[in-house]
Amino acid sequence: MPLFSLLLNVLWLVFGGVWMAAAWLLAAVIMAITIIGLPWARSALTIALYTLLPFGNTVVDRDPSGVGPLGFLGNVIWFVLAGWWLALAHLVTAVALAVTIVGLPFAWAHLKLALLALWPVGKTVIPNDQLALRFNG
């Protein structure tokens, strides 16, 4: 991890990263307990890790052509069960950080995570250094 990403990730942990990653982890546990939610539990765990250390990684579409009808249904179910409250938590954190002015970059990151929380099916997390390979290779 580059030094700048490491520094941003450390600051991120202070500015809401830990508690939001814990919220994603809670969503993963709840999904796993329900048994029916197991397909979403792994994704929520992946995003929990991304929420813990987001700098140096990027979220991209797994398939540029879309998720199809089953992915759409999966996103609707996710939204109803966990997406709305995770997005709301990211939004509240973003507003609190934006008020501080110094926290604006982190508020922006929380807003991006709020959008991801609403509709995560079909997304994947990749390191930034693989981003160019993904689209140019």
C-alpha atoms as a PDB file:
ATOM      1  CA  MET A   1       0.000   0.000   0.000  1.00  0.00           C
ATOM      2  CA  PRO A   2       1.465   3.385  -0.972  1.00  0.00           C
ATOM      3  CA  LEU A   3       2.314   5.749   1.877  1.00  0.00           C
ATOM      4  CA  PHE A   4      -0.377   8.260   0.897  1.00  0.00           C
ATOM      5  CA  SER A   5      -3.080   5.560   0.884  1.00  0.00           C
ATOM      6  CA  LEU A   6      -1.841   4.312   4.243  1.00  0.00           C
ATOM      7  CA  LEU A   7      -2.070   7.816   5.713  1.00  0.00           C
ATOM      8  CA  LEU A   8      -5.577   8.331   4.316  1.00  0.00           C
ATOM      9  CA  ASN A   9      -6.691   4.935   5.640  1.00  0.00           C
ATOM     10  CA  VAL A  10      -5.413   5.749   9.144  1.00  0.00           C
ATOM     11  CA  LEU A  11      -7.267   9.068   9.094  1.00  0.00           C
ATOM     12  CA  TRP A  12     -10.318   7.273   7.666  1.00  0.00           C
ATOM     13  CA  LEU A  13     -10.403   4.927  10.654  1.00  0.00           C
ATOM     14  CA  VAL A  14     -10.615   7.953  12.934  1.00  0.00           C
ATOM     15  CA  PHE A  15     -13.267   9.681  10.805  1.00  0.00           C
ATOM     16  CA  GLY A  16     -15.944   6.986  10.854  1.00  0.00           C
ATOM     17  CA  GLY A  17     -14.324   4.061   9.096  1.00  0.00           C
ATOM     18  CA  VAL A  18     -14.286   1.756  12.102  1.00  0.00           C
ATOM     19  CA  TRP A  19     -17.908   2.172  13.107  1.00  0.00           C
ATOM     20  CA  MET A  20     -19.181   1.953   9.517  1.00  0.00           C
ATOM     21  CA  ALA A  21     -17.120  -1.180   8.864  1.00  0.00           C
ATOM     22  CA  ALA A  22     -18.670  -2.596  12.048  1.00  0.00           C
ATOM     23  CA  ALA A  23     -22.127  -1.768  10.665  1.00  0.00           C
ATOM     24  CA  TRP A  24     -21.329  -3.657   7.443  1.00  0.00           C
ATOM     25  CA  LEU A  25     -20.020  -6.557   9.517  1.00  0.00           C
ATOM     26  CA  LEU A  26     -23.263  -6.552  11.522  1.00  0.00           C
ATOM     27  CA  ALA A  27     -25.218  -6.664   8.247  1.00  0.00           C
ATOM     28  CA  ALA A  28     -23.100  -9.639   7.128  1.00  0.00           C
ATOM     29  CA  VAL A  29     -23.745 -11.472  10.414  1.00  0.00           C
ATOM     30  CA  ILE A  30     -27.485 -10.808  10.239  1.00  0.00           C
ATOM     31  CA  MET A  31     -27.599 -12.057   6.658  1.00  0.00           C
ATOM     32  CA  ALA A  32     -25.647 -15.199   7.586  1.00  0.00           C
ATOM     33  CA  ILE A  33     -27.933 -15.948  10.533  1.00  0.00           C
ATOM     34  CA  THR A  34     -31.014 -15.837   8.327  1.00  0.00           C
ATOM     35  CA  ILE A  35     -29.555 -18.579   6.095  1.00  0.00           C
ATOM     36  CA  ILE A  36     -31.574 -17.154   3.175  1.00  0.00           C
ATOM     37  CA  GLY A  37     -29.290 -14.125   3.277  1.00  0.00           C
ATOM     38  CA  LEU A  38     -26.072 -16.135   2.852  1.00  0.00           C
ATOM     39  CA  PRO A  39     -25.488 -14.887  -0.717  1.00  0.00           C
ATOM     40  CA  TRP A  40     -25.427 -11.308   0.611  1.00  0.00           C
ATOM     41  CA  ALA A  41     -23.352 -12.114   3.706  1.00  0.00           C
ATOM     42  CA  ARG A  42     -20.135 -12.651   1.747  1.00  0.00           C
ATOM     43  CA  SER A  43     -20.661  -9.468  -0.244  1.00  0.00           C
ATOM     44  CA  ALA A  44     -21.365  -7.499   2.921  1.00  0.00           C
ATOM     45  CA  LEU A  45     -18.173  -8.880   4.462  1.00  0.00           C
ATOM     46  CA  THR A  46     -16.167  -7.846   1.386  1.00  0.00           C
ATOM     47  CA  ILE A  47     -17.617  -4.341   1.556  1.00  0.00           C
ATOM     48  CA  ALA A  48     -16.964  -4.252   5.327  1.00  0.00           C
ATOM     49  CA  LEU A  49     -13.279  -4.818   4.597  1.00  0.00           C
ATOM     50  CA  TYR A  50     -13.402  -2.164   1.869  1.00  0.00           C
ATOM     51  CA  THR A  51     -15.147   0.235   4.270  1.00  0.00           C
ATOM     52  CA  LEU A  52     -12.412  -0.384   6.822  1.00  0.00           C
ATOM     53  CA  LEU A  53      -9.591   0.493   4.379  1.00  0.00           C
ATOM     54  CA  PRO A  54     -11.066   2.127   1.255  1.00  0.00           C
ATOM     55  CA  PHE A  55      -8.082   4.144   0.020  1.00  0.00           C
ATOM     56  CA  GLY A  56      -6.003   2.209  -2.483  1.00  0.00           C
ATOM     57  CA  ASN A  57      -9.030   0.195  -3.674  1.00  0.00           C
ATOM     58  CA  THR A  58     -11.872   0.865  -6.100  1.00  0.00           C
ATOM     59  CA  VAL A  59     -15.369  -0.534  -6.521  1.00  0.00           C
ATOM     60  CA  VAL A  60     -16.220  -1.503 -10.091  1.00  0.00           C
ATOM     61  CA  ASP A  61     -19.030  -3.335 -11.853  1.00  0.00           C
ATOM     62  CA  ARG A  62     -18.361  -7.058 -11.989  1.00  0.00           C
ATOM     63  CA  ASP A  63     -19.906  -7.190 -15.471  1.00  0.00           C
ATOM     64  CA  PRO A  64     -20.180  -3.948 -17.494  1.00  0.00           C
ATOM     65  CA  SER A  65     -23.323  -5.229 -19.243  1.00  0.00           C
ATOM     66  CA  GLY A  66     -25.298  -5.211 -15.968  1.00  0.00           C
ATOM     67  CA  VAL A  67     -26.525  -7.658 -13.362  1.00  0.00           C
ATOM     68  CA  GLY A  68     -29.569  -9.079 -15.137  1.00  0.00           C
ATOM     69  CA  PRO A  69     -32.961  -9.817 -13.607  1.00  0.00           C
ATOM     70  CA  LEU A  70     -31.646 -11.975 -10.732  1.00  0.00           C
ATOM     71  CA  GLY A  71     -29.082  -9.339  -9.786  1.00  0.00           C
ATOM     72  CA  PHE A  72     -31.788  -6.682  -9.885  1.00  0.00           C
ATOM     73  CA  LEU A  73     -33.958  -8.812  -7.594  1.00  0.00           C
ATOM     74  CA  GLY A  74     -30.951  -9.366  -5.316  1.00  0.00           C
ATOM     75  CA  ASN A  75     -30.411  -5.615  -5.088  1.00  0.00           C
ATOM     76  CA  VAL A  76     -34.079  -5.017  -4.251  1.00  0.00           C
ATOM     77  CA  ILE A  77     -33.971  -7.627  -1.475  1.00  0.00           C
ATOM     78  CA  TRP A  78     -30.680  -6.181  -0.173  1.00  0.00           C
ATOM     79  CA  PHE A  79     -32.153  -2.662  -0.169  1.00  0.00           C
ATOM     80  CA  VAL A  80     -35.149  -3.785   1.900  1.00  0.00           C
ATOM     81  CA  LEU A  81     -33.154  -5.868   4.399  1.00  0.00           C
ATOM     82  CA  ALA A  82     -29.979  -3.842   4.941  1.00  0.00           C
ATOM     83  CA  GLY A  83     -29.205  -1.320   2.231  1.00  0.00           C
ATOM     84  CA  TRP A  84     -31.336   1.567   3.388  1.00  0.00           C
ATOM     85  CA  TRP A  85     -30.048   1.635   6.976  1.00  0.00           C
ATOM     86  CA  LEU A  86     -26.403   1.278   5.928  1.00  0.00           C
ATOM     87  CA  ALA A  87     -26.840   4.085   3.390  1.00  0.00           C
ATOM     88  CA  LEU A  88     -28.517   6.237   6.034  1.00  0.00           C
ATOM     89  CA  ALA A  89     -25.644   5.627   8.474  1.00  0.00           C
ATOM     90  CA  HIS A  90     -23.098   6.605   5.801  1.00  0.00           C
ATOM     91  CA  LEU A  91     -25.164   9.701   4.987  1.00  0.00           C
ATOM     92  CA  VAL A  92     -25.347  10.805   8.647  1.00  0.00           C
ATOM     93  CA  THR A  93     -21.601  10.265   9.003  1.00  0.00           C
ATOM     94  CA  ALA A  94     -20.962  12.233   5.801  1.00  0.00           C
ATOM     95  CA  VAL A  95     -23.046  15.182   7.014  1.00  0.00           C
ATOM     96  CA  ALA A  96     -21.248  15.204  10.373  1.00  0.00           C
ATOM     97  CA  LEU A  97     -17.867  15.170   8.631  1.00  0.00           C
ATOM     98  CA  ALA A  98     -18.851  17.820   6.075  1.00  0.00           C
ATOM     99  CA  VAL A  99     -19.724  20.245   8.868  1.00  0.00           C
ATOM    100  CA  THR A 100     -16.122  20.083  10.089  1.00  0.00           C
ATOM    101  CA  ILE A 101     -14.745  21.251   6.708  1.00  0.00           C
ATOM    102  CA  VAL A 102     -11.540  19.259   7.382  1.00  0.00           C
ATOM    103  CA  GLY A 103     -13.597  16.092   7.007  1.00  0.00           C
ATOM    104  CA  LEU A 104     -14.895  16.941   3.510  1.00  0.00           C
ATOM    105  CA  PRO A 105     -12.769  14.351   1.658  1.00  0.00           C
ATOM    106  CA  PHE A 106     -13.958  11.677   4.061  1.00  0.00           C
ATOM    107  CA  ALA A 107     -17.559  12.888   3.775  1.00  0.00           C
ATOM    108  CA  TRP A 108     -17.294  12.414   0.011  1.00  0.00           C
ATOM    109  CA  ALA A 109     -16.016   8.850   0.539  1.00  0.00           C
ATOM    110  CA  HIS A 110     -18.969   8.124   2.862  1.00  0.00           C
ATOM    111  CA  LEU A 111     -21.378   9.413   0.197  1.00  0.00           C
ATOM    112  CA  LYS A 112     -19.874   7.025  -2.349  1.00  0.00           C
ATOM    113  CA  LEU A 113     -20.234   4.198   0.166  1.00  0.00           C
ATOM    114  CA  ALA A 114     -23.856   5.214   0.795  1.00  0.00           C
ATOM    115  CA  LEU A 115     -24.589   4.706  -2.909  1.00  0.00           C
ATOM    116  CA  LEU A 116     -22.820   1.360  -2.802  1.00  0.00           C
ATOM    117  CA  ALA A 117     -24.879   0.387   0.251  1.00  0.00           C
ATOM    118  CA  LEU A 118     -28.103   0.936  -1.672  1.00  0.00           C
ATOM    119  CA  TRP A 119     -27.276  -1.252  -4.671  1.00  0.00           C
ATOM    120  CA  PRO A 120     -24.196  -3.501  -4.107  1.00  0.00           C
ATOM    121  CA  VAL A 121     -25.042  -6.638  -6.102  1.00  0.00           C
ATOM    122  CA  GLY A 122     -22.873  -6.826  -9.194  1.00  0.00           C
ATOM    123  CA  LYS A 123     -20.023  -4.789  -7.704  1.00  0.00           C
ATOM    124  CA  THR A 124     -16.533  -5.944  -6.811  1.00  0.00           C
ATOM    125  CA  VAL A 125     -13.562  -4.362  -5.020  1.00  0.00           C
ATOM    126  CA  ILE A 126     -10.194  -4.267  -6.765  1.00  0.00           C
ATOM    127  CA  PRO A 127      -6.861  -2.627  -5.870  1.00  0.00           C
ATOM    128  CA  ASN A 128      -6.221   0.645  -7.709  1.00  0.00           C
ATOM    129  CA  ASP A 129      -3.139  -0.778  -9.405  1.00  0.00           C
ATOM    130  CA  GLN A 130      -5.341  -3.384 -11.132  1.00  0.00           C
ATOM    131  CA  LEU A 131      -7.779  -0.767 -12.386  1.00  0.00           C
ATOM    132  CA  ALA A 132      -5.732   0.087 -15.482  1.00  0.00           C
ATOM    133  CA  LEU A 133      -5.238  -3.609 -16.243  1.00  0.00           C
ATOM    134  CA  ARG A 134      -8.963  -4.236 -15.990  1.00  0.00           C
ATOM    135  CA  PHE A 135      -9.916  -1.605 -18.535  1.00  0.00           C
ATOM    136  CA  ASN A 136      -6.837  -1.605 -20.796  1.00  0.00           C
ATOM    137  CA  GLY A 137      -5.918  -5.270 -20.747  1.00  0.00           C
END
